[in-house]
């Protein structure tokens, strides 16, 4: 990924992180559409970065096409979007713990294959838990993803303005093999702290605001079961009230 590519990604992160962090539940559908676009688009970028003879314009076209497909899929197949969001949150949480423990304790670095397999398994677990307990997990996982985007964007531009600063929280470094991840300056530790603070604030704001369906249910005296059914109907309007075991609260 070139410096210009990373600039664009960092700017995108900074533009969308407040919506993910503080309004993730209320704008979940456009939020998850953006996540689908970014995930498949980013995947296509990495898949084509070493393809010989592929022009930059052709690569850009493939990345945009893949992103559109990703956005359409996660919005059309609602559980796919929920799973994707949970998977990203699970991968972020596990990789943070993995990178910090491995680098700070100076234990022998596992193989790169073991690292990525572990991150992949954490993503699957996060996705499954998100589907099973979506009502409770949505605010947590969107706050986690959004807060990471915010600090990753700031981390990139700090490193651009200060050659001695390490861009440890950009996706390129953060998800690379543990030997590439270093947090040895004050800026990096400050950003890790800011990630935690933003994450907690995001959850607090989202739980304080609460979903509009709950306020409506409280106002008209509906019980919790009716409110939960309304929540799922609003979250996934294509079901038209059909019971879905994956969202069995």
C-alpha atoms as a PDB file:
ATOM      1  CA  UNK A   1       0.000   0.000   0.000  1.00  0.00           C
ATOM      2  CA  UNK A   2       1.451   3.358  -1.013  1.00  0.00           C
ATOM      3  CA  UNK A   3       1.580   6.417   1.219  1.00  0.00           C
ATOM      4  CA  UNK A   4      -1.199   8.022  -0.821  1.00  0.00           C
ATOM      5  CA  UNK A   5      -3.379   4.926  -0.361  1.00  0.00           C
ATOM      6  CA  UNK A   6      -2.798   5.027   3.376  1.00  0.00           C
ATOM      7  CA  UNK A   7      -3.629   8.754   3.428  1.00  0.00           C
ATOM      8  CA  UNK A   8      -6.980   8.049   1.781  1.00  0.00           C
ATOM      9  CA  UNK A   9      -7.716   5.178   4.172  1.00  0.00           C
ATOM     10  CA  UNK A  10      -6.803   7.292   7.207  1.00  0.00           C
ATOM     11  CA  UNK A  11      -9.024  10.171   6.037  1.00  0.00           C
ATOM     12  CA  UNK A  12     -11.904   7.737   5.466  1.00  0.00           C
ATOM     13  CA  UNK A  13     -11.414   6.324   8.961  1.00  0.00           C
ATOM     14  CA  UNK A  14     -11.488   9.787  10.513  1.00  0.00           C
ATOM     15  CA  UNK A  15     -14.634  10.728   8.591  1.00  0.00           C
ATOM     16  CA  UNK A  16     -16.690   7.695   9.594  1.00  0.00           C
ATOM     17  CA  UNK A  17     -15.403   6.820  13.054  1.00  0.00           C
ATOM     18  CA  UNK A  18     -17.828   9.130  14.958  1.00  0.00           C
ATOM     19  CA  UNK A  19     -20.803   7.390  13.318  1.00  0.00           C
ATOM     20  CA  UNK A  20     -19.505   3.912  14.146  1.00  0.00           C
ATOM     21  CA  UNK A  21     -18.466   4.866  17.687  1.00  0.00           C
ATOM     22  CA  UNK A  22     -21.381   6.937  18.920  1.00  0.00           C
ATOM     23  CA  UNK A  23     -24.287   6.138  16.560  1.00  0.00           C
ATOM     24  CA  UNK A  24     -23.443   2.626  15.432  1.00  0.00           C
ATOM     25  CA  UNK A  25     -26.773   1.104  16.407  1.00  0.00           C
ATOM     26  CA  UNK A  26     -28.933   3.938  15.112  1.00  0.00           C
ATOM     27  CA  UNK A  27     -27.238   3.963  11.699  1.00  0.00           C
ATOM     28  CA  UNK A  28     -26.354   0.285  11.609  1.00  0.00           C
ATOM     29  CA  UNK A  29     -27.445  -0.442   8.050  1.00  0.00           C
ATOM     30  CA  UNK A  30     -25.362   2.306   6.347  1.00  0.00           C
ATOM     31  CA  UNK A  31     -22.597   1.558   8.841  1.00  0.00           C
ATOM     32  CA  UNK A  32     -22.484  -2.113   7.933  1.00  0.00           C
ATOM     33  CA  UNK A  33     -22.766  -1.277   4.231  1.00  0.00           C
ATOM     34  CA  UNK A  34     -19.640   0.824   4.598  1.00  0.00           C
ATOM     35  CA  UNK A  35     -17.939  -2.039   6.429  1.00  0.00           C
ATOM     36  CA  UNK A  36     -18.860  -4.438   3.624  1.00  0.00           C
ATOM     37  CA  UNK A  37     -17.556  -2.040   1.005  1.00  0.00           C
ATOM     38  CA  UNK A  38     -14.301  -1.506   2.879  1.00  0.00           C
ATOM     39  CA  UNK A  39     -13.731  -5.183   3.659  1.00  0.00           C
ATOM     40  CA  UNK A  40     -14.196  -6.589   0.168  1.00  0.00           C
ATOM     41  CA  UNK A  41     -12.566  -3.579  -1.455  1.00  0.00           C
ATOM     42  CA  UNK A  42      -9.539  -3.849   0.808  1.00  0.00           C
ATOM     43  CA  UNK A  43      -9.426  -7.605   0.211  1.00  0.00           C
ATOM     44  CA  UNK A  44      -9.439  -7.076  -3.545  1.00  0.00           C
ATOM     45  CA  UNK A  45      -6.665  -4.524  -3.225  1.00  0.00           C
ATOM     46  CA  UNK A  46      -4.434  -6.980  -1.401  1.00  0.00           C
ATOM     47  CA  UNK A  47      -5.356  -9.814  -3.762  1.00  0.00           C
ATOM     48  CA  UNK A  48      -4.325  -7.780  -6.820  1.00  0.00           C
ATOM     49  CA  UNK A  49      -1.348  -5.832  -5.465  1.00  0.00           C
ATOM     50  CA  UNK A  50       1.185  -8.291  -6.893  1.00  0.00           C
ATOM     51  CA  UNK A  51      -0.596  -9.039 -10.177  1.00  0.00           C
ATOM     52  CA  UNK A  52       1.819  -8.220 -12.984  1.00  0.00           C
ATOM     53  CA  UNK A  53       0.595  -6.081 -15.871  1.00  0.00           C
ATOM     54  CA  UNK A  54      -2.480  -4.779 -14.029  1.00  0.00           C
ATOM     55  CA  UNK A  55      -2.755  -1.017 -14.406  1.00  0.00           C
ATOM     56  CA  UNK A  56      -3.639   1.241 -11.488  1.00  0.00           C
ATOM     57  CA  UNK A  57      -6.955   2.181 -13.125  1.00  0.00           C
ATOM     58  CA  UNK A  58      -7.881  -1.470 -13.626  1.00  0.00           C
ATOM     59  CA  UNK A  59      -6.966  -2.269 -10.026  1.00  0.00           C
ATOM     60  CA  UNK A  60      -9.054   0.686  -8.815  1.00  0.00           C
ATOM     61  CA  UNK A  61     -11.998  -0.573 -10.870  1.00  0.00           C
ATOM     62  CA  UNK A  62     -11.723  -4.044  -9.353  1.00  0.00           C
ATOM     63  CA  UNK A  63     -11.466  -2.612  -5.850  1.00  0.00           C
ATOM     64  CA  UNK A  64     -14.546  -0.420  -6.326  1.00  0.00           C
ATOM     65  CA  UNK A  65     -16.526  -3.281  -7.880  1.00  0.00           C
ATOM     66  CA  UNK A  66     -15.634  -5.599  -5.025  1.00  0.00           C
ATOM     67  CA  UNK A  67     -16.582  -2.907  -2.522  1.00  0.00           C
ATOM     68  CA  UNK A  68     -20.000  -2.401  -4.102  1.00  0.00           C
ATOM     69  CA  UNK A  69     -20.619  -6.152  -4.088  1.00  0.00           C
ATOM     70  CA  UNK A  70     -19.648  -6.287  -0.421  1.00  0.00           C
ATOM     71  CA  UNK A  71     -21.999  -3.444   0.501  1.00  0.00           C
ATOM     72  CA  UNK A  72     -24.919  -4.980  -1.405  1.00  0.00           C
ATOM     73  CA  UNK A  73     -24.385  -8.428   0.097  1.00  0.00           C
ATOM     74  CA  UNK A  74     -24.209  -7.312   3.728  1.00  0.00           C
ATOM     75  CA  UNK A  75     -27.282  -5.112   3.370  1.00  0.00           C
ATOM     76  CA  UNK A  76     -29.330  -7.655   1.407  1.00  0.00           C
ATOM     77  CA  UNK A  77     -28.337 -10.580   3.617  1.00  0.00           C
ATOM     78  CA  UNK A  78     -28.689  -8.881   6.960  1.00  0.00           C
ATOM     79  CA  UNK A  79     -27.046 -11.599   9.007  1.00  0.00           C
ATOM     80  CA  UNK A  80     -23.989 -11.353   6.768  1.00  0.00           C
ATOM     81  CA  UNK A  81     -23.622  -7.727   7.816  1.00  0.00           C
ATOM     82  CA  UNK A  82     -24.089  -8.562  11.478  1.00  0.00           C
ATOM     83  CA  UNK A  83     -21.559 -11.389  11.211  1.00  0.00           C
ATOM     84  CA  UNK A  84     -19.074  -9.136   9.410  1.00  0.00           C
ATOM     85  CA  UNK A  85     -19.298  -6.439  12.076  1.00  0.00           C
ATOM     86  CA  UNK A  86     -18.852  -8.966  14.851  1.00  0.00           C
ATOM     87  CA  UNK A  87     -15.945 -10.565  13.012  1.00  0.00           C
ATOM     88  CA  UNK A  88     -14.138  -7.240  12.635  1.00  0.00           C
ATOM     89  CA  UNK A  89     -14.674  -6.400  16.316  1.00  0.00           C
ATOM     90  CA  UNK A  90     -13.507  -9.855  17.389  1.00  0.00           C
ATOM     91  CA  UNK A  91     -10.396  -9.647  15.209  1.00  0.00           C
ATOM     92  CA  UNK A  92      -9.549  -6.179  16.561  1.00  0.00           C
ATOM     93  CA  UNK A  93      -9.952  -7.188  20.194  1.00  0.00           C
ATOM     94  CA  UNK A  94      -7.979 -10.410  19.851  1.00  0.00           C
ATOM     95  CA  UNK A  95      -5.219  -8.865  17.754  1.00  0.00           C
ATOM     96  CA  UNK A  96      -4.772  -6.023  20.232  1.00  0.00           C
ATOM     97  CA  UNK A  97      -4.301  -8.500  23.073  1.00  0.00           C
ATOM     98  CA  UNK A  98      -2.086 -10.727  20.921  1.00  0.00           C
ATOM     99  CA  UNK A  99       0.212  -7.958  19.728  1.00  0.00           C
ATOM    100  CA  UNK A 100       0.593  -6.308  23.128  1.00  0.00           C
ATOM    101  CA  UNK A 101       1.244  -9.563  24.977  1.00  0.00           C
ATOM    102  CA  UNK A 102       3.709 -10.913  22.431  1.00  0.00           C
ATOM    103  CA  UNK A 103       5.694  -7.705  22.008  1.00  0.00           C
ATOM    104  CA  UNK A 104       5.678  -6.540  25.625  1.00  0.00           C
ATOM    105  CA  UNK A 105       6.519  -9.887  27.211  1.00  0.00           C
ATOM    106  CA  UNK A 106       9.208 -10.685  24.639  1.00  0.00           C
ATOM    107  CA  UNK A 107       8.055 -14.269  24.301  1.00  0.00           C
ATOM    108  CA  UNK A 108       9.072 -16.197  21.224  1.00  0.00           C
ATOM    109  CA  UNK A 109       7.096 -14.988  18.229  1.00  0.00           C
ATOM    110  CA  UNK A 110       4.677 -17.591  16.904  1.00  0.00           C
ATOM    111  CA  UNK A 111       4.746 -18.225  13.182  1.00  0.00           C
ATOM    112  CA  UNK A 112       2.941 -15.822  10.901  1.00  0.00           C
ATOM    113  CA  UNK A 113       0.563 -18.647   9.969  1.00  0.00           C
ATOM    114  CA  UNK A 114      -0.336 -19.218  13.616  1.00  0.00           C
ATOM    115  CA  UNK A 115      -0.906 -15.492  14.076  1.00  0.00           C
ATOM    116  CA  UNK A 116      -3.316 -15.187  11.168  1.00  0.00           C
ATOM    117  CA  UNK A 117      -5.125 -18.438  11.997  1.00  0.00           C
ATOM    118  CA  UNK A 118      -5.686 -17.175  15.538  1.00  0.00           C
ATOM    119  CA  UNK A 119      -6.983 -13.820  14.278  1.00  0.00           C
ATOM    120  CA  UNK A 120      -9.267 -15.635  11.821  1.00  0.00           C
ATOM    121  CA  UNK A 121     -10.676 -17.866  14.562  1.00  0.00           C
ATOM    122  CA  UNK A 122     -11.278 -14.826  16.768  1.00  0.00           C
ATOM    123  CA  UNK A 123     -13.114 -13.175  13.882  1.00  0.00           C
ATOM    124  CA  UNK A 124     -15.355 -16.226  13.434  1.00  0.00           C
ATOM    125  CA  UNK A 125     -16.136 -16.321  17.157  1.00  0.00           C
ATOM    126  CA  UNK A 126     -16.909 -12.602  17.148  1.00  0.00           C
ATOM    127  CA  UNK A 127     -19.204 -12.993  14.142  1.00  0.00           C
ATOM    128  CA  UNK A 128     -21.097 -15.919  15.667  1.00  0.00           C
ATOM    129  CA  UNK A 129     -21.566 -14.117  18.980  1.00  0.00           C
ATOM    130  CA  UNK A 130     -22.789 -11.005  17.174  1.00  0.00           C
ATOM    131  CA  UNK A 131     -25.432 -12.994  15.298  1.00  0.00           C
ATOM    132  CA  UNK A 132     -26.541 -14.830  18.433  1.00  0.00           C
ATOM    133  CA  UNK A 133     -26.722 -11.798  20.721  1.00  0.00           C
ATOM    134  CA  UNK A 134     -27.073  -8.963  18.236  1.00  0.00           C
ATOM    135  CA  UNK A 135     -29.347  -6.834  20.405  1.00  0.00           C
ATOM    136  CA  UNK A 136     -26.720  -6.664  23.132  1.00  0.00           C
ATOM    137  CA  UNK A 137     -23.585  -6.801  20.999  1.00  0.00           C
ATOM    138  CA  UNK A 138     -24.344  -4.148  18.381  1.00  0.00           C
ATOM    139  CA  UNK A 139     -23.403  -1.179  20.535  1.00  0.00           C
ATOM    140  CA  UNK A 140     -20.256  -2.856  21.823  1.00  0.00           C
ATOM    141  CA  UNK A 141     -18.947  -3.984  18.439  1.00  0.00           C
ATOM    142  CA  UNK A 142     -19.667  -0.712  16.642  1.00  0.00           C
ATOM    143  CA  UNK A 143     -17.985   1.250  19.450  1.00  0.00           C
ATOM    144  CA  UNK A 144     -14.961  -1.061  19.201  1.00  0.00           C
ATOM    145  CA  UNK A 145     -14.669  -0.701  15.416  1.00  0.00           C
ATOM    146  CA  UNK A 146     -15.293   3.046  15.394  1.00  0.00           C
ATOM    147  CA  UNK A 147     -12.833   3.828  18.175  1.00  0.00           C
ATOM    148  CA  UNK A 148     -10.142   1.829  16.365  1.00  0.00           C
ATOM    149  CA  UNK A 149     -10.785   3.763  13.148  1.00  0.00           C
ATOM    150  CA  UNK A 150     -10.347   7.042  14.989  1.00  0.00           C
ATOM    151  CA  UNK A 151      -7.005   6.202  16.578  1.00  0.00           C
ATOM    152  CA  UNK A 152      -5.723   4.440  13.446  1.00  0.00           C
ATOM    153  CA  UNK A 153      -6.386   7.550  11.378  1.00  0.00           C
ATOM    154  CA  UNK A 154      -4.654   9.797  13.908  1.00  0.00           C
ATOM    155  CA  UNK A 155      -1.745   7.350  14.223  1.00  0.00           C
ATOM    156  CA  UNK A 156      -1.121   7.507  10.499  1.00  0.00           C
ATOM    157  CA  UNK A 157      -0.943  11.288  10.329  1.00  0.00           C
ATOM    158  CA  UNK A 158       1.220  11.532  13.458  1.00  0.00           C
ATOM    159  CA  UNK A 159       3.738   9.217  11.811  1.00  0.00           C
ATOM    160  CA  UNK A 160       3.568  11.264   8.605  1.00  0.00           C
ATOM    161  CA  UNK A 161       4.442  14.432  10.508  1.00  0.00           C
ATOM    162  CA  UNK A 162       7.060  12.874  12.773  1.00  0.00           C
ATOM    163  CA  UNK A 163       9.549  10.439  11.321  1.00  0.00           C
ATOM    164  CA  UNK A 164      10.431   9.133  14.786  1.00  0.00           C
ATOM    165  CA  UNK A 165       6.817   8.169  15.540  1.00  0.00           C
ATOM    166  CA  UNK A 166       5.677   4.668  14.639  1.00  0.00           C
ATOM    167  CA  UNK A 167       2.419   4.080  12.815  1.00  0.00           C
ATOM    168  CA  UNK A 168       1.682   0.992  14.895  1.00  0.00           C
ATOM    169  CA  UNK A 169      -2.100   1.232  14.768  1.00  0.00           C
ATOM    170  CA  UNK A 170      -2.610   1.431  11.006  1.00  0.00           C
ATOM    171  CA  UNK A 171      -4.172  -1.779   9.593  1.00  0.00           C
ATOM    172  CA  UNK A 172      -0.997  -2.461   7.603  1.00  0.00           C
ATOM    173  CA  UNK A 173       1.101  -2.689  10.759  1.00  0.00           C
ATOM    174  CA  UNK A 174      -1.489  -3.625  13.368  1.00  0.00           C
ATOM    175  CA  UNK A 175      -2.546  -6.778  11.521  1.00  0.00           C
ATOM    176  CA  UNK A 176       0.927  -7.670  10.312  1.00  0.00           C
ATOM    177  CA  UNK A 177       3.010 -10.328  12.015  1.00  0.00           C
ATOM    178  CA  UNK A 178       3.775  -9.461  15.635  1.00  0.00           C
ATOM    179  CA  UNK A 179       7.438  -8.659  14.971  1.00  0.00           C
ATOM    180  CA  UNK A 180       6.310  -5.620  12.925  1.00  0.00           C
ATOM    181  CA  UNK A 181       4.146  -4.228  15.728  1.00  0.00           C
ATOM    182  CA  UNK A 182       6.013  -1.896  18.060  1.00  0.00           C
ATOM    183  CA  UNK A 183       4.605   0.525  20.621  1.00  0.00           C
ATOM    184  CA  UNK A 184       7.704   2.185  22.008  1.00  0.00           C
ATOM    185  CA  UNK A 185       6.884   5.893  22.036  1.00  0.00           C
ATOM    186  CA  UNK A 186       4.568   8.104  24.039  1.00  0.00           C
ATOM    187  CA  UNK A 187       2.311   8.798  21.051  1.00  0.00           C
ATOM    188  CA  UNK A 188       1.594   5.109  20.568  1.00  0.00           C
ATOM    189  CA  UNK A 189       0.730   4.557  24.224  1.00  0.00           C
ATOM    190  CA  UNK A 190      -1.419   7.691  24.212  1.00  0.00           C
ATOM    191  CA  UNK A 191      -3.311   6.383  21.190  1.00  0.00           C
ATOM    192  CA  UNK A 192      -3.854   3.018  22.859  1.00  0.00           C
ATOM    193  CA  UNK A 193      -5.288   4.875  25.830  1.00  0.00           C
ATOM    194  CA  UNK A 194      -7.431   7.020  23.543  1.00  0.00           C
ATOM    195  CA  UNK A 195      -8.742   3.859  21.869  1.00  0.00           C
ATOM    196  CA  UNK A 196      -9.890   2.563  25.239  1.00  0.00           C
ATOM    197  CA  UNK A 197     -11.456   5.880  26.234  1.00  0.00           C
ATOM    198  CA  UNK A 198     -13.285   6.271  22.916  1.00  0.00           C
ATOM    199  CA  UNK A 199     -14.502   2.680  23.119  1.00  0.00           C
ATOM    200  CA  UNK A 200     -15.970   3.187  26.600  1.00  0.00           C
ATOM    201  CA  UNK A 201     -17.444   6.588  25.687  1.00  0.00           C
ATOM    202  CA  UNK A 202     -18.972   5.133  22.547  1.00  0.00           C
ATOM    203  CA  UNK A 203     -20.698   2.381  24.512  1.00  0.00           C
ATOM    204  CA  UNK A 204     -21.872   4.839  27.167  1.00  0.00           C
ATOM    205  CA  UNK A 205     -23.347   7.193  24.577  1.00  0.00           C
ATOM    206  CA  UNK A 206     -25.063   4.405  22.680  1.00  0.00           C
ATOM    207  CA  UNK A 207     -26.489   2.788  25.815  1.00  0.00           C
ATOM    208  CA  UNK A 208     -27.598   6.200  27.081  1.00  0.00           C
ATOM    209  CA  UNK A 209     -29.298   7.136  23.834  1.00  0.00           C
ATOM    210  CA  UNK A 210     -30.837   3.708  23.528  1.00  0.00           C
ATOM    211  CA  UNK A 211     -32.708   2.526  20.449  1.00  0.00           C
ATOM    212  CA  UNK A 212     -35.811   4.434  19.422  1.00  0.00           C
ATOM    213  CA  UNK A 213     -37.825   1.197  19.482  1.00  0.00           C
ATOM    214  CA  UNK A 214     -37.250   0.832  23.234  1.00  0.00           C
ATOM    215  CA  UNK A 215     -38.403   4.387  23.970  1.00  0.00           C
ATOM    216  CA  UNK A 216     -41.503   3.862  21.845  1.00  0.00           C
ATOM    217  CA  UNK A 217     -42.261   0.592  23.621  1.00  0.00           C
ATOM    218  CA  UNK A 218     -41.866   2.186  27.049  1.00  0.00           C
ATOM    219  CA  UNK A 219     -44.142   5.043  26.052  1.00  0.00           C
ATOM    220  CA  UNK A 220     -47.030   2.824  24.957  1.00  0.00           C
ATOM    221  CA  UNK A 221     -46.621   0.261  27.729  1.00  0.00           C
ATOM    222  CA  UNK A 222     -45.474  -2.637  25.552  1.00  0.00           C
ATOM    223  CA  UNK A 223     -43.719  -5.471  27.339  1.00  0.00           C
ATOM    224  CA  UNK A 224     -40.127  -6.542  26.689  1.00  0.00           C
ATOM    225  CA  UNK A 225     -41.100  -9.394  24.372  1.00  0.00           C
ATOM    226  CA  UNK A 226     -43.097  -7.080  22.135  1.00  0.00           C
ATOM    227  CA  UNK A 227     -40.281  -4.542  22.165  1.00  0.00           C
ATOM    228  CA  UNK A 228     -37.722  -7.172  21.191  1.00  0.00           C
ATOM    229  CA  UNK A 229     -39.892  -8.275  18.289  1.00  0.00           C
ATOM    230  CA  UNK A 230     -40.211  -4.687  17.144  1.00  0.00           C
ATOM    231  CA  UNK A 231     -36.448  -4.265  17.418  1.00  0.00           C
ATOM    232  CA  UNK A 232     -35.808  -7.173  15.103  1.00  0.00           C
ATOM    233  CA  UNK A 233     -38.485  -5.989  12.681  1.00  0.00           C
ATOM    234  CA  UNK A 234     -36.889  -2.540  12.464  1.00  0.00           C
ATOM    235  CA  UNK A 235     -33.393  -3.992  12.195  1.00  0.00           C
ATOM    236  CA  UNK A 236     -34.323  -6.455   9.465  1.00  0.00           C
ATOM    237  CA  UNK A 237     -37.428  -5.226   7.644  1.00  0.00           C
ATOM    238  CA  UNK A 238     -37.222  -7.952   4.978  1.00  0.00           C
ATOM    239  CA  UNK A 239     -38.393 -10.574   7.481  1.00  0.00           C
ATOM    240  CA  UNK A 240     -41.877  -9.023   7.838  1.00  0.00           C
ATOM    241  CA  UNK A 241     -42.210 -10.426  11.307  1.00  0.00           C
ATOM    242  CA  UNK A 242     -40.910 -13.888  10.476  1.00  0.00           C
ATOM    243  CA  UNK A 243     -39.170 -15.534  13.424  1.00  0.00           C
ATOM    244  CA  UNK A 244     -35.462 -16.115  12.874  1.00  0.00           C
ATOM    245  CA  UNK A 245     -33.636 -18.534  15.129  1.00  0.00           C
ATOM    246  CA  UNK A 246     -30.335 -16.708  14.648  1.00  0.00           C
ATOM    247  CA  UNK A 247     -31.819 -13.698  16.398  1.00  0.00           C
ATOM    248  CA  UNK A 248     -33.662 -15.648  19.062  1.00  0.00           C
ATOM    249  CA  UNK A 249     -33.212 -13.529  22.147  1.00  0.00           C
END
